[in-house]
Structure formats: C-alpha cells, structure tokens
Amino acid sequence: MAEELSISGNTREQKYKSLLPQLKSLLAGEDDAVANAANISAALRQAFGFFWVGFYFVKNNELVLGPFQGDIACTRIQKGRGVCGTAWEKGNRNC
C-alpha cells in the first residue's frame, strides 16, 4: 500500500468499508504488532479526523501505552482506574 489512503462514502459505515481492504493490504506481510498498531492509528485518524486514536497493550496486569496519534496520553493505566481502566475491568474494549 502506498502512503495515501483513498476513503470514499458519506457515512461512517461506508468509510470503514472503504478503509478495511486498505488496512488489510497495509498489514499484509508485517508481523510486528507495534508497527501495525502505529499504521492503524495513523490510518484511522487520517480517515475520520478523530481527536485521538491509539492502542494500549496489557503488560504485567496494566495497560501500557502503545502507538497512537493525538495529544499525549497516560503511559500506564491500572485496572479499574479512570475510564479506560474501568472499561478494561468490565470487559469493554471500547475505551
């Protein structure tokens, strides 16, 4: 995949459908989770103009900041603390 995305559609669903095959192409052949998370973050922010997009990885029973696009973020989040820690504790992946 090139460094450009081609997003089409008027609704969020249409845009995701347009983006998904491009993400699959972008990730094809790359097995590094950090590299893939970095590109997914950038693609989602570019496609939708989100304020913040990123990943946290579970390490030693904490959420540890991974690749992201946006303003600075908490580096470590304990289970049950804040919005994301509480969502993690309750099994909600949409923080």
Protein backbone atom coordinates (compact mmCIF):
# COMPACT_ATOMS: atom_id res chain seq x y z
CA MET A 1 0.00 0.00 0.00
CA ALA A 2 1.16 3.49 -0.72
CA GLU A 3 1.38 6.23 1.87
CA GLU A 4 -2.01 7.55 0.83
CA LEU A 5 -5.48 6.37 1.70
CA SER A 6 -8.46 6.62 -0.59
CA ILE A 7 -11.58 6.95 1.55
CA SER A 8 -14.99 7.05 -0.07
CA GLY A 9 -18.53 7.21 1.20
CA ASN A 10 -20.66 9.60 3.17
CA THR A 11 -21.49 7.52 6.22
CA ARG A 12 -19.08 6.19 8.82
CA GLU A 13 -20.01 2.63 7.77
CA GLN A 14 -19.20 3.36 4.12
CA LYS A 15 -15.88 4.92 5.09
CA TYR A 16 -14.94 1.90 7.21
CA LYS A 17 -15.84 -0.42 4.32
CA SER A 18 -13.60 1.66 2.07
CA LEU A 19 -10.76 1.66 4.61
CA LEU A 20 -10.79 -2.02 5.60
CA PRO A 21 -9.26 -3.50 2.43
CA GLN A 22 -6.57 -0.81 2.50
CA LEU A 23 -5.71 -1.69 6.10
CA LYS A 24 -5.54 -5.38 5.19
CA SER A 25 -3.13 -4.52 2.41
CA LEU A 26 -1.09 -2.30 4.70
CA LEU A 27 -0.73 -5.06 7.31
CA ALA A 28 -0.10 -7.89 4.85
CA GLY A 29 3.31 -9.42 5.38
CA GLU A 30 4.10 -7.42 8.52
CA ASP A 31 4.02 -9.38 11.76
CA ASP A 32 5.27 -6.69 14.14
CA ALA A 33 2.38 -5.65 16.41
CA VAL A 34 3.86 -2.22 17.18
CA ALA A 35 4.41 -1.35 13.52
CA ASN A 36 0.90 -2.47 12.63
CA ALA A 37 -0.69 -0.61 15.54
CA ALA A 38 1.18 2.54 14.51
CA ASN A 39 -0.11 2.38 10.94
CA ILE A 40 -3.66 1.52 12.02
CA SER A 41 -3.68 4.52 14.38
CA ALA A 42 -2.48 6.85 11.66
CA ALA A 43 -4.95 5.48 9.10
CA LEU A 44 -7.95 5.80 11.41
CA ARG A 45 -7.06 9.33 12.42
CA GLN A 46 -6.47 10.34 8.81
CA ALA A 47 -9.67 8.72 7.55
CA PHE A 48 -12.01 10.02 10.25
CA GLY A 49 -10.27 13.02 11.77
CA PHE A 50 -10.52 11.54 15.26
CA PHE A 51 -9.04 13.59 18.10
CA TRP A 52 -7.11 10.59 19.48
CA VAL A 53 -6.58 7.07 18.20
CA GLY A 54 -4.27 4.57 19.79
CA PHE A 55 -3.51 1.29 21.45
CA TYR A 56 -2.75 0.10 24.93
CA PHE A 57 -1.16 -3.29 25.48
CA VAL A 58 -1.71 -5.39 28.59
CA LYS A 59 1.63 -5.94 30.33
CA ASN A 60 2.06 -7.11 33.92
CA ASN A 61 -1.64 -6.53 34.61
CA GLU A 62 -1.52 -2.87 33.47
CA LEU A 63 -2.47 -1.11 30.28
CA VAL A 64 0.74 0.25 28.77
CA LEU A 65 0.62 2.91 26.10
CA GLY A 66 1.41 1.74 22.59
CA PRO A 67 1.41 3.57 19.26
CA PHE A 68 -1.05 6.43 18.98
CA GLN A 69 -1.91 9.60 17.09
CA GLY A 70 -3.01 12.66 19.05
CA ASP A 71 -2.25 14.52 22.24
CA ILE A 72 -0.08 12.95 24.92
CA ALA A 73 -1.68 10.16 26.92
CA CYS A 74 -1.34 8.22 30.15
CA THR A 75 1.61 5.85 29.92
CA ARG A 76 0.25 3.22 32.32
CA ILE A 77 -3.29 2.58 33.48
CA GLN A 78 -4.20 0.26 36.32
CA LYS A 79 -7.23 -2.00 36.02
CA GLY A 80 -10.28 -0.20 37.39
CA ARG A 81 -8.70 3.29 37.27
CA GLY A 82 -10.19 6.02 35.11
CA VAL A 83 -12.36 5.50 32.06
CA CYS A 84 -10.09 3.05 30.22
CA GLY A 85 -9.06 1.08 33.29
CA THR A 86 -12.71 0.69 34.28
CA ALA A 87 -13.71 -0.32 30.75
CA TRP A 88 -10.92 -2.93 30.77
CA GLU A 89 -12.04 -4.24 34.16
CA LYS A 90 -15.61 -4.61 32.90
CA GLY A 91 -14.51 -6.29 29.66
CA ASN A 92 -15.49 -3.36 27.41
CA ARG A 93 -12.91 -2.93 24.64
CA ASN A 94 -14.28 0.43 23.53
CA CYS A 95 -12.48 2.92 25.68
